[in-house]
Protein backbone atom coordinates (compact mmCIF):
# COMPACT_ATOMS: atom_id res chain seq x y z
CA MET A 1 -54.91 46.01 216.44
CA ALA A 2 -51.41 47.50 216.78
CA ALA A 3 -50.86 45.84 220.14
CA ASN A 4 -52.02 42.45 218.86
CA LEU A 5 -49.80 42.67 215.78
CA ALA A 6 -46.89 43.56 218.06
CA GLY A 7 -47.57 40.43 220.14
CA MET A 8 -49.27 42.11 223.09
CA THR A 9 -52.55 40.27 223.52
CA LYS A 10 -53.35 41.10 227.13
CA VAL A 11 -54.11 44.50 228.65
CA ARG A 12 -51.40 43.90 231.24
CA GLU A 13 -48.80 43.40 228.48
CA VAL A 14 -49.83 46.69 226.87
CA ARG A 15 -49.75 48.50 230.22
CA ASP A 16 -46.35 47.07 231.12
CA SER A 17 -44.93 47.96 227.71
CA LEU A 18 -46.31 51.51 227.89
CA GLU A 19 -44.61 51.86 231.27
CA ARG A 20 -41.33 50.35 230.04
CA TYR A 21 -41.19 52.58 226.97
CA ARG A 22 -42.79 55.74 228.43
CA VAL A 23 -39.69 57.74 227.52
CA GLY A 24 -38.80 55.77 224.39
CA ILE A 25 -42.11 56.12 222.54
CA PRO A 26 -42.02 59.94 222.35
CA GLU A 27 -38.30 59.73 221.53
CA LEU A 28 -39.00 57.45 218.56
CA VAL A 29 -41.70 59.79 217.26
CA ARG A 30 -39.53 62.89 217.73
CA ARG A 31 -36.43 61.41 216.12
CA CYS A 32 -38.24 59.87 213.16
CA ARG A 33 -39.96 63.20 212.46
CA GLN A 34 -36.79 65.27 213.00
CA GLU A 35 -34.80 63.04 210.66
CA GLY A 36 -37.55 63.28 208.04
CA LEU A 37 -38.15 59.53 208.04
CA TRP A 38 -41.91 59.74 208.39
CA PRO A 39 -44.09 61.52 205.86
CA LYS A 40 -45.26 64.98 206.87
CA LEU A 41 -48.73 65.09 208.34
CA PRO A 42 -51.44 66.86 206.36
CA LEU A 43 -52.00 70.49 207.34
CA GLY A 44 -54.36 70.69 210.30
CA SER A 45 -53.59 67.18 211.56
CA VAL A 46 -53.19 66.63 215.26
CA THR A 47 -49.67 65.59 216.21
CA ILE A 48 -48.86 63.32 219.11
CA THR A 49 -45.33 64.08 220.16
CA LYS A 50 -45.49 64.52 223.91
CA GLY A 51 -47.64 61.53 224.78
CA MET A 52 -47.91 57.90 223.96
CA SER A 53 -50.22 55.84 221.81
CA ILE A 54 -50.64 52.13 221.37
CA GLN A 55 -49.92 52.58 217.66
CA HIS A 56 -46.56 54.18 218.43
CA LEU A 57 -45.86 51.52 221.05
CA GLY A 58 -46.45 48.84 218.41
CA THR A 59 -44.25 50.73 215.96
CA LEU A 60 -41.40 50.85 218.47
CA VAL A 61 -41.66 47.21 219.51
CA VAL A 62 -41.99 45.83 215.99
CA SER A 63 -39.33 48.14 214.51
CA ALA A 64 -36.86 46.80 217.07
CA ARG A 65 -37.45 43.33 215.58
CA GLY A 66 -36.15 44.40 212.19
CA ALA A 67 -37.11 45.94 208.86
CA GLN A 68 -39.16 43.05 207.51
CA ALA A 69 -41.15 42.75 210.73
CA PHE A 70 -41.94 46.47 210.57
CA VAL A 71 -42.92 46.36 206.88
CA ASN A 72 -45.30 43.46 207.58
CA PHE A 73 -46.73 45.38 210.57
CA VAL A 74 -47.55 48.57 208.64
CA LYS A 75 -48.81 46.70 205.59
CA ALA A 76 -51.50 45.25 207.87
CA PHE A 77 -52.72 48.86 208.16
CA GLY A 78 -52.57 49.41 204.40
CA VAL A 79 -49.33 51.42 204.53
CA ASP A 80 -46.48 50.84 202.12
CA PRO A 81 -43.47 52.51 203.77
CA SER A 82 -41.51 54.72 201.42
CA TRP A 83 -39.09 56.04 204.03
CA ASP A 84 -35.76 54.70 205.33
CA VAL A 85 -37.10 51.77 207.36
CA ASP A 86 -33.57 50.60 208.19
CA ARG A 87 -32.84 53.93 209.90
CA GLN A 88 -36.11 53.72 211.83
CA VAL A 89 -35.19 50.18 212.91
CA ALA A 90 -31.78 51.40 214.12
CA ILE A 91 -33.42 54.15 216.18
CA ALA A 92 -35.95 51.71 217.65
CA LYS A 93 -33.27 49.17 218.55
CA GLU A 94 -31.24 51.88 220.29
CA ILE A 95 -34.27 53.01 222.28
CA VAL A 96 -35.30 49.46 223.27
CA GLU A 97 -31.75 48.67 224.33
CA LYS A 98 -31.65 51.80 226.52
CA SER A 99 -35.02 50.86 228.03
CA ALA A 100 -33.76 47.39 228.97
CA SER A 101 -31.06 48.77 231.25
């Protein structure tokens, strides 16, 4: 679902995006957690900080499109973001820009 909402409808698009953002996805997760943007995970939850997930790929891609795009994306999952979405968007845009070069 995350890939589709981010505009990746083919497996090849997902694979290519995972390759393109293989460094950027963990960076987004690390920075958003370090800066306290994302809510803390419940005690005992598994954290994914060294790898990649399609959900985090979608978060990166959609965040780079802007705050409203990201809010619409997470609301499709029943999440109402209460954190600094603008800061997350700035981080995502920086990462995507670095990945393009």
